[in-house]
C-alpha atoms as a PDB file:
ATOM      1  CA  MET A   1     102.762 168.037-126.158  1.00  0.00           C
ATOM      2  CA  ASP A   2     106.147 168.859-127.615  1.00  0.00           C
ATOM      3  CA  ILE A   3     106.465 165.383-129.094  1.00  0.00           C
ATOM      4  CA  ALA A   4     102.986 165.484-130.640  1.00  0.00           C
ATOM      5  CA  PHE A   5     102.969 169.063-131.905  1.00  0.00           C
ATOM      6  CA  GLU A   6     106.658 169.943-132.086  1.00  0.00           C
ATOM      7  CA  ASN A   7     106.860 173.633-133.002  1.00  0.00           C
ATOM      8  CA  ARG A   8     103.543 173.800-134.879  1.00  0.00           C
ATOM      9  CA  MET A   9     101.817 175.197-131.801  1.00  0.00           C
ATOM     10  CA  SER A  10     102.753 177.950-129.403  1.00  0.00           C
ATOM     11  CA  ALA A  11     103.545 177.286-125.760  1.00  0.00           C
ATOM     12  CA  LEU A  12     100.358 179.138-124.804  1.00  0.00           C
ATOM     13  CA  GLU A  13      98.215 176.935-127.058  1.00  0.00           C
ATOM     14  CA  LYS A  14      99.804 173.813-125.590  1.00  0.00           C
ATOM     15  CA  GLU A  15      99.213 175.105-122.062  1.00  0.00           C
ATOM     16  CA  ASN A  16      95.538 175.759-122.867  1.00  0.00           C
ATOM     17  CA  ILE A  17      95.100 172.194-124.136  1.00  0.00           C
ATOM     18  CA  ILE A  18      96.720 170.796-121.002  1.00  0.00           C
ATOM     19  CA  LYS A  19      94.416 172.897-118.787  1.00  0.00           C
ATOM     20  CA  LYS A  20      91.358 171.706-120.727  1.00  0.00           C
ATOM     21  CA  CYS A  21      92.483 168.088-120.301  1.00  0.00           C
ATOM     22  CA  TYR A  22      92.749 168.512-116.537  1.00  0.00           C
ATOM     23  CA  LYS A  23      89.379 170.281-116.435  1.00  0.00           C
ATOM     24  CA  ASN A  24      87.820 167.371-118.342  1.00  0.00           C
ATOM     25  CA  LEU A  25      89.398 164.892-115.937  1.00  0.00           C
ATOM     26  CA  LEU A  26      87.928 166.777-112.969  1.00  0.00           C
ATOM     27  CA  HIS A  27      84.473 166.657-114.596  1.00  0.00           C
ATOM     28  CA  LEU A  28      84.816 162.899-115.074  1.00  0.00           C
ATOM     29  CA  ILE A  29      85.803 162.412-111.434  1.00  0.00           C
ATOM     30  CA  LYS A  30      82.923 164.633-110.256  1.00  0.00           C
ATOM     31  CA  ASP A  31      80.406 162.756-112.422  1.00  0.00           C
ATOM     32  CA  SER A  32      81.740 159.399-111.224  1.00  0.00           C
ATOM     33  CA  ILE A  33      81.185 160.432-107.617  1.00  0.00           C
ATOM     34  CA  ILE A  34      77.691 161.803-108.308  1.00  0.00           C
ATOM     35  CA  ASN A  35      76.668 158.786-110.380  1.00  0.00           C
ATOM     36  CA  GLN A  36      77.358 156.427-107.486  1.00  0.00           C
ATOM     37  CA  SER A  37      74.293 157.713-105.652  1.00  0.00           C
ATOM     38  CA  ILE A  38      71.738 158.360-108.382  1.00  0.00           C
ATOM     39  CA  THR A  39      68.641 156.262-108.984  1.00  0.00           C
ATOM     40  CA  ARG A  40      68.160 153.885-111.898  1.00  0.00           C
ATOM     41  CA  GLU A  41      65.725 156.352-113.455  1.00  0.00           C
ATOM     42  CA  GLN A  42      68.164 159.260-113.138  1.00  0.00           C
ATOM     43  CA  LEU A  43      70.895 157.167-114.730  1.00  0.00           C
ATOM     44  CA  LEU A  44      68.725 156.143-117.668  1.00  0.00           C
ATOM     45  CA  GLU A  45      67.734 159.795-118.230  1.00  0.00           C
ATOM     46  CA  LYS A  46      71.388 160.537-119.021  1.00  0.00           C
ATOM     47  CA  VAL A  47      71.554 158.211-122.014  1.00  0.00           C
ATOM     48  CA  THR A  48      69.761 157.423-125.244  1.00  0.00           C
ATOM     49  CA  PHE A  49      69.817 153.944-126.703  1.00  0.00           C
ATOM     50  CA  HIS A  50      70.112 153.837-130.482  1.00  0.00           C
ATOM     51  CA  ASN A  51      69.377 150.661-132.436  1.00  0.00           C
ATOM     52  CA  ALA A  52      68.471 148.773-129.259  1.00  0.00           C
ATOM     53  CA  HIS A  53      66.715 146.183-131.384  1.00  0.00           C
ATOM     54  CA  PHE A  54      70.113 144.872-132.539  1.00  0.00           C
ATOM     55  CA  TYR A  55      71.024 144.120-128.931  1.00  0.00           C
ATOM     56  CA  GLU A  56      67.686 142.467-128.207  1.00  0.00           C
ATOM     57  CA  GLU A  57      67.917 140.338-131.370  1.00  0.00           C
ATOM     58  CA  ALA A  58      71.464 139.231-130.534  1.00  0.00           C
ATOM     59  CA  ILE A  59      70.436 138.188-127.029  1.00  0.00           C
ATOM     60  CA  GLN A  60      67.473 136.237-128.414  1.00  0.00           C
ATOM     61  CA  ARG A  61      69.878 134.419-130.763  1.00  0.00           C
ATOM     62  CA  LYS A  62      72.306 133.864-127.851  1.00  0.00           C
ATOM     63  CA  LYS A  63      74.991 135.956-129.535  1.00  0.00           C
ATOM     64  CA  GLY A  64      77.446 138.294-127.867  1.00  0.00           C
ATOM     65  CA  VAL A  65      77.307 142.043-128.244  1.00  0.00           C
ATOM     66  CA  ILE A  66      80.007 144.699-128.285  1.00  0.00           C
ATOM     67  CA  PHE A  67      78.856 148.149-127.209  1.00  0.00           C
ATOM     68  CA  PHE A  68      80.502 151.266-128.574  1.00  0.00           C
ATOM     69  CA  ASP A  69      80.019 154.639-126.917  1.00  0.00           C
ATOM     70  CA  CYS A  70      81.916 157.865-127.387  1.00  0.00           C
ATOM     71  CA  SER A  71      80.188 160.087-124.895  1.00  0.00           C
ATOM     72  CA  LEU A  72      79.500 158.461-121.532  1.00  0.00           C
ATOM     73  CA  TRP A  73      81.871 155.510-121.670  1.00  0.00           C
ATOM     74  CA  GLN A  74      82.425 155.631-117.911  1.00  0.00           C
ATOM     75  CA  LEU A  75      78.724 154.859-117.385  1.00  0.00           C
ATOM     76  CA  GLY A  76      78.585 151.983-119.850  1.00  0.00           C
ATOM     77  CA  ASN A  77      78.399 148.968-117.570  1.00  0.00           C
ATOM     78  CA  HIS A  78      76.064 150.750-115.122  1.00  0.00           C
ATOM     79  CA  VAL A  79      73.701 151.844-117.877  1.00  0.00           C
ATOM     80  CA  ILE A  80      73.540 148.464-119.566  1.00  0.00           C
ATOM     81  CA  SER A  81      72.845 146.639-116.314  1.00  0.00           C
ATOM     82  CA  SER A  82      70.268 149.281-115.291  1.00  0.00           C
ATOM     83  CA  TRP A  83      68.577 149.042-118.665  1.00  0.00           C
ATOM     84  CA  GLY A  84      67.116 145.746-117.476  1.00  0.00           C
ATOM     85  CA  LYS A  85      67.555 143.884-120.742  1.00  0.00           C
ATOM     86  CA  MET A  86      70.603 141.817-120.003  1.00  0.00           C
ATOM     87  CA  GLY A  87      70.502 138.460-121.629  1.00  0.00           C
ATOM     88  CA  SER A  88      71.659 135.160-120.273  1.00  0.00           C
ATOM     89  CA  TYR A  89      73.238 132.287-122.151  1.00  0.00           C
END
């Protein structure tokens, strides 16, 4: 924190950021444990697919796809495989 923010932030502000980072990490660990035992339907309820037609078109053309996700990245491979639209080459 000192390297990134130098003296532009108080020690209390830095401490609050560190606590929030640890809290976020604990949420990720908790969700990872819970997600190991949920059903396919419960998993798919947690996500929304946007522009899914691009994926389907790429698979039909036998092209690769790169997925980008900023919210539930830790679920990515589980969600895509549970989606049931995996292509084969």
